[in-house]
Amino acid sequence: MAVALRLKMMGTKHRPFYRIVALDSRKTRDGMTLANLGQYAPLGKEATIEIDEEQALDFLNKGAVPSETVRSLLKKKGIVREYRKNENGKSKLVWVKRGAEAAK
């Protein structure tokens, strides 16, 4: 099953907010989800973004594909793709939390 990270529209007319969800890529925008990863509220004085980073990284590193909008929201929260070398010396593209490796 191909998993995608997308926005699920919620709210009322002229007051939308979105949930960031993991779902089967063949489902509709507001279809059944596998997991709620957070929410995004674009209206108000400041847009608010709340993401369960640990769960999002888990889905991404298992092969989930984020939509363009979700990818930009993840980037704002510091979750990016980077090349990492494994024990064999081969490079692999993985999703990481920026700044988390510097703290170790």
Foldseek 3Di string as FASTA:
>chain_A
DAKAWEWAWDDDVPFIKTWTFIDDPVDDSNDDTPDTFWIWGPDDPHIDTDGNVVVVQVCVQVPYHYDPVVQVSCVVQQWDWDWDADPVRDTDIGIDRPPPVVVD
